[in-house]
Amino acid sequence: MTSQLDEVPELNITPLVDIMLVLLAILMVTTPALVYEEVIKLPDGSKSAIVNKLPELEIRITKDKKVYLKSDSFMLSEFADNFALQKSKYPLKSIVYIKADEALSYKDVMFVLKTVKQAGFTNISLETNG
């Protein structure tokens, strides 16, 4: 006859491991969400300095393939040569807006865009309604 005192009890650590894994998961999820904010006092800048605004250049293309550059107008076929002659009037960092009629073909609008890019302008936008 064996007594209950002679038996070695088995430890079941599965619930302990489950609880630790849940706590670890909670820690891993909440830690990236914590935001540490440093208080930084920035120095005062000079408010008298005025930033020079880049000039804007507007190119309009009508449905009859006439291109307007400011007050000058050209036919689409003549635009590349005339724009190459007049590009020296504008700094290359100017912002260029191209407004084209929706009845024009994609090829015609891309011709004007390609001409402006080849002239050296990099800030080019195609304008739409909306």
N, C-alpha and C. Protein backbone atom coordinates (compact mmCIF):
# COMPACT_ATOMS: atom_id res chain seq x y z
N MET A 1 0.83 -1.15 0.00
CA MET A 1 0.00 0.00 0.00
C MET A 1 0.89 1.24 0.00
N THR A 2 0.68 2.10 -0.97
CA THR A 2 1.47 3.31 -1.06
C THR A 2 0.64 4.48 -0.55
N SER A 3 1.30 5.37 0.07
CA SER A 3 0.59 6.52 0.59
C SER A 3 0.66 7.67 -0.42
N GLN A 4 -0.18 8.61 -0.23
CA GLN A 4 -0.21 9.76 -1.13
C GLN A 4 1.01 10.64 -0.94
N LEU A 5 1.67 10.54 0.14
CA LEU A 5 2.84 11.35 0.39
C LEU A 5 4.03 10.89 -0.42
N ASP A 6 4.04 9.64 -0.82
CA ASP A 6 5.16 9.12 -1.59
C ASP A 6 5.10 9.53 -3.06
N GLU A 7 3.95 9.93 -3.54
CA GLU A 7 3.81 10.31 -4.95
C GLU A 7 4.40 11.70 -5.17
N VAL A 8 5.10 11.84 -6.27
CA VAL A 8 5.68 13.13 -6.63
C VAL A 8 4.65 13.85 -7.50
N PRO A 9 4.22 15.03 -7.09
CA PRO A 9 3.22 15.73 -7.91
C PRO A 9 3.86 16.28 -9.20
N GLU A 10 3.11 16.22 -10.29
CA GLU A 10 3.60 16.76 -11.57
C GLU A 10 3.16 18.22 -11.67
N LEU A 11 4.09 19.05 -12.07
CA LEU A 11 3.76 20.47 -12.24
C LEU A 11 3.30 20.69 -13.68
N ASN A 12 2.15 21.32 -13.84
CA ASN A 12 1.63 21.64 -15.15
C ASN A 12 1.96 23.12 -15.43
N ILE A 13 2.95 23.35 -16.28
CA ILE A 13 3.36 24.74 -16.54
C ILE A 13 2.69 25.32 -17.80
N THR A 14 1.83 24.59 -18.45
CA THR A 14 1.15 25.08 -19.67
C THR A 14 0.36 26.37 -19.41
N PRO A 15 -0.45 26.46 -18.33
CA PRO A 15 -1.17 27.72 -18.10
C PRO A 15 -0.22 28.90 -17.85
N LEU A 16 0.90 28.63 -17.19
CA LEU A 16 1.87 29.69 -16.94
C LEU A 16 2.47 30.20 -18.25
N VAL A 17 2.81 29.29 -19.15
CA VAL A 17 3.37 29.68 -20.45
C VAL A 17 2.34 30.44 -21.26
N ASP A 18 1.07 30.01 -21.23
CA ASP A 18 0.01 30.70 -21.97
C ASP A 18 -0.15 32.14 -21.47
N ILE A 19 -0.14 32.33 -20.18
CA ILE A 19 -0.29 33.67 -19.61
C ILE A 19 0.91 34.54 -20.00
N MET A 20 2.10 33.99 -19.94
CA MET A 20 3.30 34.76 -20.29
C MET A 20 3.28 35.15 -21.77
N LEU A 21 2.83 34.26 -22.65
CA LEU A 21 2.75 34.59 -24.08
C LEU A 21 1.73 35.69 -24.35
N VAL A 22 0.61 35.67 -23.65
CA VAL A 22 -0.40 36.72 -23.80
C VAL A 22 0.17 38.06 -23.33
N LEU A 23 0.86 38.05 -22.19
CA LEU A 23 1.46 39.30 -21.69
C LEU A 23 2.53 39.81 -22.64
N LEU A 24 3.30 38.91 -23.22
CA LEU A 24 4.33 39.31 -24.18
C LEU A 24 3.70 39.92 -25.43
N ALA A 25 2.60 39.32 -25.92
CA ALA A 25 1.91 39.86 -27.09
C ALA A 25 1.36 41.25 -26.80
N ILE A 26 0.78 41.45 -25.60
CA ILE A 26 0.25 42.76 -25.23
C ILE A 26 1.38 43.79 -25.18
N LEU A 27 2.50 43.41 -24.63
CA LEU A 27 3.65 44.30 -24.56
C LEU A 27 4.16 44.67 -25.95
N MET A 28 4.21 43.69 -26.84
CA MET A 28 4.72 43.94 -28.20
C MET A 28 3.77 44.83 -28.99
N VAL A 29 2.48 44.76 -28.73
CA VAL A 29 1.51 45.58 -29.46
C VAL A 29 1.48 47.01 -28.93
N THR A 30 1.58 47.18 -27.62
CA THR A 30 1.45 48.52 -27.05
C THR A 30 2.73 49.33 -27.10
N THR A 31 3.87 48.72 -27.12
CA THR A 31 5.14 49.47 -27.09
C THR A 31 5.32 50.39 -28.29
N PRO A 32 5.07 49.95 -29.55
CA PRO A 32 5.24 50.89 -30.67
C PRO A 32 4.24 52.05 -30.65
N ALA A 33 3.12 51.87 -29.97
CA ALA A 33 2.12 52.93 -29.93
C ALA A 33 2.48 54.05 -28.98
N LEU A 34 3.45 53.82 -28.11
CA LEU A 34 3.86 54.85 -27.18
C LEU A 34 4.66 55.91 -27.93
N VAL A 35 4.33 57.16 -27.69
CA VAL A 35 5.01 58.26 -28.35
C VAL A 35 5.72 59.08 -27.28
N TYR A 36 6.99 59.24 -27.46
CA TYR A 36 7.76 60.06 -26.55
C TYR A 36 7.95 61.41 -27.20
N GLU A 37 7.46 62.45 -26.54
CA GLU A 37 7.52 63.79 -27.11
C GLU A 37 8.56 64.60 -26.37
N GLU A 38 9.50 65.08 -27.12
CA GLU A 38 10.52 65.95 -26.57
C GLU A 38 10.05 67.39 -26.73
N VAL A 39 10.17 68.18 -25.72
CA VAL A 39 9.81 69.59 -25.80
C VAL A 39 11.05 70.35 -26.27
N ILE A 40 10.93 70.96 -27.42
CA ILE A 40 12.05 71.69 -28.01
C ILE A 40 11.63 73.13 -28.20
N LYS A 41 12.42 74.04 -27.73
CA LYS A 41 12.15 75.47 -27.92
C LYS A 41 13.01 75.94 -29.09
N LEU A 42 12.34 76.28 -30.17
CA LEU A 42 13.04 76.72 -31.38
C LEU A 42 13.43 78.19 -31.28
N PRO A 43 14.54 78.56 -31.86
CA PRO A 43 14.93 79.98 -31.83
C PRO A 43 14.03 80.81 -32.75
N ASP A 44 13.94 82.07 -32.44
CA ASP A 44 13.14 82.98 -33.27
C ASP A 44 13.90 83.28 -34.55
N GLY A 45 13.18 83.27 -35.65
CA GLY A 45 13.78 83.57 -36.94
C GLY A 45 13.60 85.04 -37.28
N SER A 46 14.23 85.44 -38.34
CA SER A 46 14.06 86.83 -38.78
C SER A 46 12.79 86.92 -39.61
N LYS A 47 11.88 87.73 -39.14
CA LYS A 47 10.61 87.85 -39.82
C LYS A 47 10.64 88.89 -40.92
N SER A 48 11.77 89.58 -41.05
CA SER A 48 11.86 90.62 -42.06
C SER A 48 12.26 90.06 -43.43
N ALA A 49 12.81 88.85 -43.45
CA ALA A 49 13.24 88.28 -44.72
C ALA A 49 12.01 87.85 -45.52
N ILE A 50 11.95 88.27 -46.75
CA ILE A 50 10.84 87.93 -47.63
C ILE A 50 11.32 86.89 -48.63
N VAL A 51 10.57 85.82 -48.74
CA VAL A 51 10.93 84.77 -49.67
C VAL A 51 10.49 85.19 -51.07
N ASN A 52 11.41 85.13 -52.00
CA ASN A 52 11.07 85.50 -53.37
C ASN A 52 10.23 84.40 -54.00
N LYS A 53 9.08 84.79 -54.51
CA LYS A 53 8.19 83.83 -55.14
C LYS A 53 8.64 83.62 -56.58
N LEU A 54 8.69 82.36 -56.98
CA LEU A 54 9.09 82.06 -58.35
C LEU A 54 8.00 82.53 -59.31
N PRO A 55 8.40 83.08 -60.45
CA PRO A 55 7.39 83.51 -61.41
C PRO A 55 6.66 82.31 -62.01
N GLU A 56 5.42 82.54 -62.34
CA GLU A 56 4.62 81.47 -62.94
C GLU A 56 4.51 81.72 -64.43
N LEU A 57 4.52 80.64 -65.17
CA LEU A 57 4.41 80.70 -66.62
C LEU A 57 3.21 79.87 -67.01
N GLU A 58 2.25 80.50 -67.69
CA GLU A 58 1.03 79.79 -68.07
C GLU A 58 0.99 79.59 -69.58
N ILE A 59 0.79 78.34 -69.97
CA ILE A 59 0.66 78.00 -71.40
C ILE A 59 -0.74 77.45 -71.60
N ARG A 60 -1.51 78.07 -72.52
CA ARG A 60 -2.87 77.62 -72.81
C ARG A 60 -2.93 77.11 -74.24
N ILE A 61 -3.64 75.99 -74.43
CA ILE A 61 -3.80 75.41 -75.76
C ILE A 61 -5.30 75.31 -76.04
N THR A 62 -5.74 75.95 -77.12
CA THR A 62 -7.15 75.92 -77.46
C THR A 62 -7.45 74.71 -78.34
N LYS A 63 -8.75 74.46 -78.55
CA LYS A 63 -9.13 73.28 -79.33
C LYS A 63 -8.76 73.41 -80.80
N ASP A 64 -8.53 74.65 -81.30
CA ASP A 64 -8.09 74.81 -82.69
C ASP A 64 -6.56 74.83 -82.80
N LYS A 65 -5.88 74.25 -81.78
CA LYS A 65 -4.43 74.05 -81.75
C LYS A 65 -3.64 75.36 -81.79
N LYS A 66 -4.14 76.35 -81.10
CA LYS A 66 -3.43 77.61 -80.95
C LYS A 66 -2.87 77.65 -79.53
N VAL A 67 -1.59 77.96 -79.41
CA VAL A 67 -0.91 77.96 -78.11
C VAL A 67 -0.66 79.40 -77.69
N TYR A 68 -1.07 79.72 -76.45
CA TYR A 68 -0.86 81.05 -75.90
C TYR A 68 0.18 80.98 -74.80
N LEU A 69 1.20 81.80 -74.91
CA LEU A 69 2.25 81.92 -73.91
C LEU A 69 2.23 83.37 -73.45
N LYS A 70 1.68 83.58 -72.24
CA LYS A 70 1.41 84.93 -71.74
C LYS A 70 0.54 85.66 -72.77
N SER A 71 1.04 86.72 -73.41
CA SER A 71 0.23 87.45 -74.39
C SER A 71 0.54 87.04 -75.82
N ASP A 72 1.55 86.20 -76.03
CA ASP A 72 1.92 85.77 -77.38
C ASP A 72 1.11 84.53 -77.76
N SER A 73 0.84 84.41 -79.06
CA SER A 73 0.13 83.21 -79.53
C SER A 73 0.87 82.62 -80.72
N PHE A 74 0.84 81.30 -80.79
CA PHE A 74 1.51 80.55 -81.86
C PHE A 74 0.62 79.39 -82.27
N MET A 75 0.86 78.90 -83.47
CA MET A 75 0.23 77.66 -83.88
C MET A 75 1.00 76.52 -83.22
N LEU A 76 0.37 75.39 -83.00
CA LEU A 76 1.01 74.28 -82.30
C LEU A 76 2.27 73.81 -83.02
N SER A 77 2.25 73.82 -84.33
CA SER A 77 3.41 73.37 -85.10
C SER A 77 4.60 74.32 -84.95
N GLU A 78 4.35 75.61 -84.65
CA GLU A 78 5.42 76.60 -84.50
C GLU A 78 5.85 76.77 -83.05
N PHE A 79 5.18 76.12 -82.11
CA PHE A 79 5.41 76.37 -80.70
C PHE A 79 6.83 76.02 -80.25
N ALA A 80 7.36 74.90 -80.69
CA ALA A 80 8.68 74.45 -80.21
C ALA A 80 9.77 75.47 -80.53
N ASP A 81 9.78 75.98 -81.76
CA ASP A 81 10.81 76.95 -82.14
C ASP A 81 10.63 78.28 -81.40
N ASN A 82 9.40 78.76 -81.31
CA ASN A 82 9.16 80.03 -80.63
C ASN A 82 9.42 79.93 -79.13
N PHE A 83 9.10 78.80 -78.52
CA PHE A 83 9.35 78.65 -77.09
C PHE A 83 10.85 78.59 -76.81
N ALA A 84 11.60 77.96 -77.70
CA ALA A 84 13.06 77.91 -77.53
C ALA A 84 13.66 79.31 -77.59
N LEU A 85 13.08 80.18 -78.41
CA LEU A 85 13.57 81.55 -78.50
C LEU A 85 13.19 82.37 -77.27
N GLN A 86 12.03 82.11 -76.70
CA GLN A 86 11.53 82.93 -75.59
C GLN A 86 11.84 82.37 -74.21
N LYS A 87 12.45 81.19 -74.12
CA LYS A 87 12.68 80.59 -72.80
C LYS A 87 13.68 81.39 -71.97
N SER A 88 14.52 82.18 -72.62
CA SER A 88 15.50 82.96 -71.87
C SER A 88 14.85 84.08 -71.04
N LYS A 89 13.60 84.42 -71.32
CA LYS A 89 12.88 85.45 -70.57
C LYS A 89 12.47 84.96 -69.18
N TYR A 90 12.45 83.64 -68.98
CA TYR A 90 11.93 83.06 -67.75
C TYR A 90 13.02 82.23 -67.07
N PRO A 91 13.12 82.30 -65.75
CA PRO A 91 14.09 81.44 -65.05
C PRO A 91 13.65 79.97 -65.17
N LEU A 92 14.61 79.07 -65.23
CA LEU A 92 14.30 77.65 -65.41
C LEU A 92 13.59 77.05 -64.19
N LYS A 93 13.65 77.73 -63.05
CA LYS A 93 12.95 77.23 -61.87
C LYS A 93 11.51 77.73 -61.80
N SER A 94 11.06 78.43 -62.83
CA SER A 94 9.68 78.92 -62.86
C SER A 94 8.70 77.76 -62.82
N ILE A 95 7.53 78.04 -62.28
CA ILE A 95 6.46 77.05 -62.28
C ILE A 95 5.67 77.21 -63.57
N VAL A 96 5.54 76.13 -64.33
CA VAL A 96 4.86 76.17 -65.62
C VAL A 96 3.53 75.43 -65.50
N TYR A 97 2.45 76.13 -65.85
CA TYR A 97 1.12 75.53 -65.86
C TYR A 97 0.68 75.36 -67.30
N ILE A 98 0.28 74.16 -67.67
CA ILE A 98 -0.22 73.90 -69.02
C ILE A 98 -1.71 73.63 -68.91
N LYS A 99 -2.49 74.46 -69.60
CA LYS A 99 -3.94 74.30 -69.64
C LYS A 99 -4.32 73.96 -71.07
N ALA A 100 -4.92 72.79 -71.27
CA ALA A 100 -5.26 72.35 -72.61
C ALA A 100 -6.75 72.03 -72.69
N ASP A 101 -7.34 72.34 -73.82
CA ASP A 101 -8.75 72.04 -74.05
C ASP A 101 -8.94 70.52 -74.09
N GLU A 102 -10.06 70.06 -73.56
CA GLU A 102 -10.29 68.61 -73.50
C GLU A 102 -10.52 67.99 -74.87
N ALA A 103 -10.80 68.80 -75.89
CA ALA A 103 -11.02 68.26 -77.23
C ALA A 103 -9.71 67.92 -77.94
N LEU A 104 -8.59 68.35 -77.38
CA LEU A 104 -7.29 68.07 -78.00
C LEU A 104 -6.91 66.61 -77.82
N SER A 105 -6.08 66.14 -78.73
CA SER A 105 -5.59 64.77 -78.59
C SER A 105 -4.45 64.73 -77.58
N TYR A 106 -4.23 63.57 -77.04
CA TYR A 106 -3.14 63.35 -76.06
C TYR A 106 -1.80 63.71 -76.68
N LYS A 107 -1.63 63.40 -77.94
CA LYS A 107 -0.37 63.65 -78.65
C LYS A 107 -0.04 65.14 -78.67
N ASP A 108 -1.03 65.99 -78.88
CA ASP A 108 -0.79 67.43 -78.95
C ASP A 108 -0.36 68.00 -77.59
N VAL A 109 -1.01 67.55 -76.53
CA VAL A 109 -0.66 68.03 -75.19
C VAL A 109 0.73 67.54 -74.81
N MET A 110 1.04 66.29 -75.12
CA MET A 110 2.36 65.75 -74.79
C MET A 110 3.47 66.43 -75.61
N PHE A 111 3.14 66.90 -76.80
CA PHE A 111 4.12 67.64 -77.60
C PHE A 111 4.53 68.93 -76.88
N VAL A 112 3.55 69.64 -76.35
CA VAL A 112 3.83 70.88 -75.61
C VAL A 112 4.61 70.56 -74.34
N LEU A 113 4.20 69.53 -73.61
CA LEU A 113 4.90 69.13 -72.39
C LEU A 113 6.35 68.75 -72.68
N LYS A 114 6.56 68.00 -73.75
CA LYS A 114 7.91 67.57 -74.11
C LYS A 114 8.77 68.78 -74.49
N THR A 115 8.19 69.74 -75.19
CA THR A 115 8.91 70.94 -75.59
C THR A 115 9.35 71.74 -74.37
N VAL A 116 8.48 71.89 -73.40
CA VAL A 116 8.79 72.64 -72.19
C VAL A 116 9.87 71.92 -71.38
N LYS A 117 9.77 70.60 -71.28
CA LYS A 117 10.78 69.83 -70.53
C LYS A 117 12.14 69.89 -71.22
N GLN A 118 12.15 69.81 -72.54
CA GLN A 118 13.42 69.87 -73.26
C GLN A 118 14.07 71.25 -73.16
N ALA A 119 13.27 72.27 -72.89
CA ALA A 119 13.82 73.61 -72.71
C ALA A 119 14.51 73.76 -71.36
N GLY A 120 14.31 72.79 -70.46
CA GLY A 120 15.00 72.82 -69.17
C GLY A 120 14.13 73.10 -67.97
N PHE A 121 12.84 73.30 -68.16
CA PHE A 121 11.93 73.56 -67.05
C PHE A 121 11.60 72.24 -66.34
N THR A 122 11.56 72.29 -65.02
CA THR A 122 11.30 71.05 -64.27
C THR A 122 10.01 71.11 -63.45
N ASN A 123 9.53 72.28 -63.10
CA ASN A 123 8.30 72.42 -62.32
C ASN A 123 7.13 72.63 -63.26
N ILE A 124 6.59 71.54 -63.80
CA ILE A 124 5.53 71.62 -64.81
C ILE A 124 4.31 70.91 -64.28
N SER A 125 3.14 71.55 -64.44
CA SER A 125 1.89 70.97 -64.00
C SER A 125 0.86 71.05 -65.12
N LEU A 126 0.09 69.98 -65.28
CA LEU A 126 -1.04 69.99 -66.21
C LEU A 126 -2.27 70.32 -65.39
N GLU A 127 -2.98 71.36 -65.76
CA GLU A 127 -4.15 71.79 -65.00
C GLU A 127 -5.42 71.16 -65.55
N THR A 128 -6.33 70.82 -64.62
CA THR A 128 -7.64 70.29 -64.98
C THR A 128 -8.69 71.02 -64.14
N ASN A 129 -9.94 70.81 -64.48
CA ASN A 129 -11.02 71.35 -63.64
C ASN A 129 -11.31 70.33 -62.56
N GLY A 130 -11.20 70.75 -61.33
CA GLY A 130 -11.53 69.83 -60.24
C GLY A 130 -10.43 69.60 -59.39
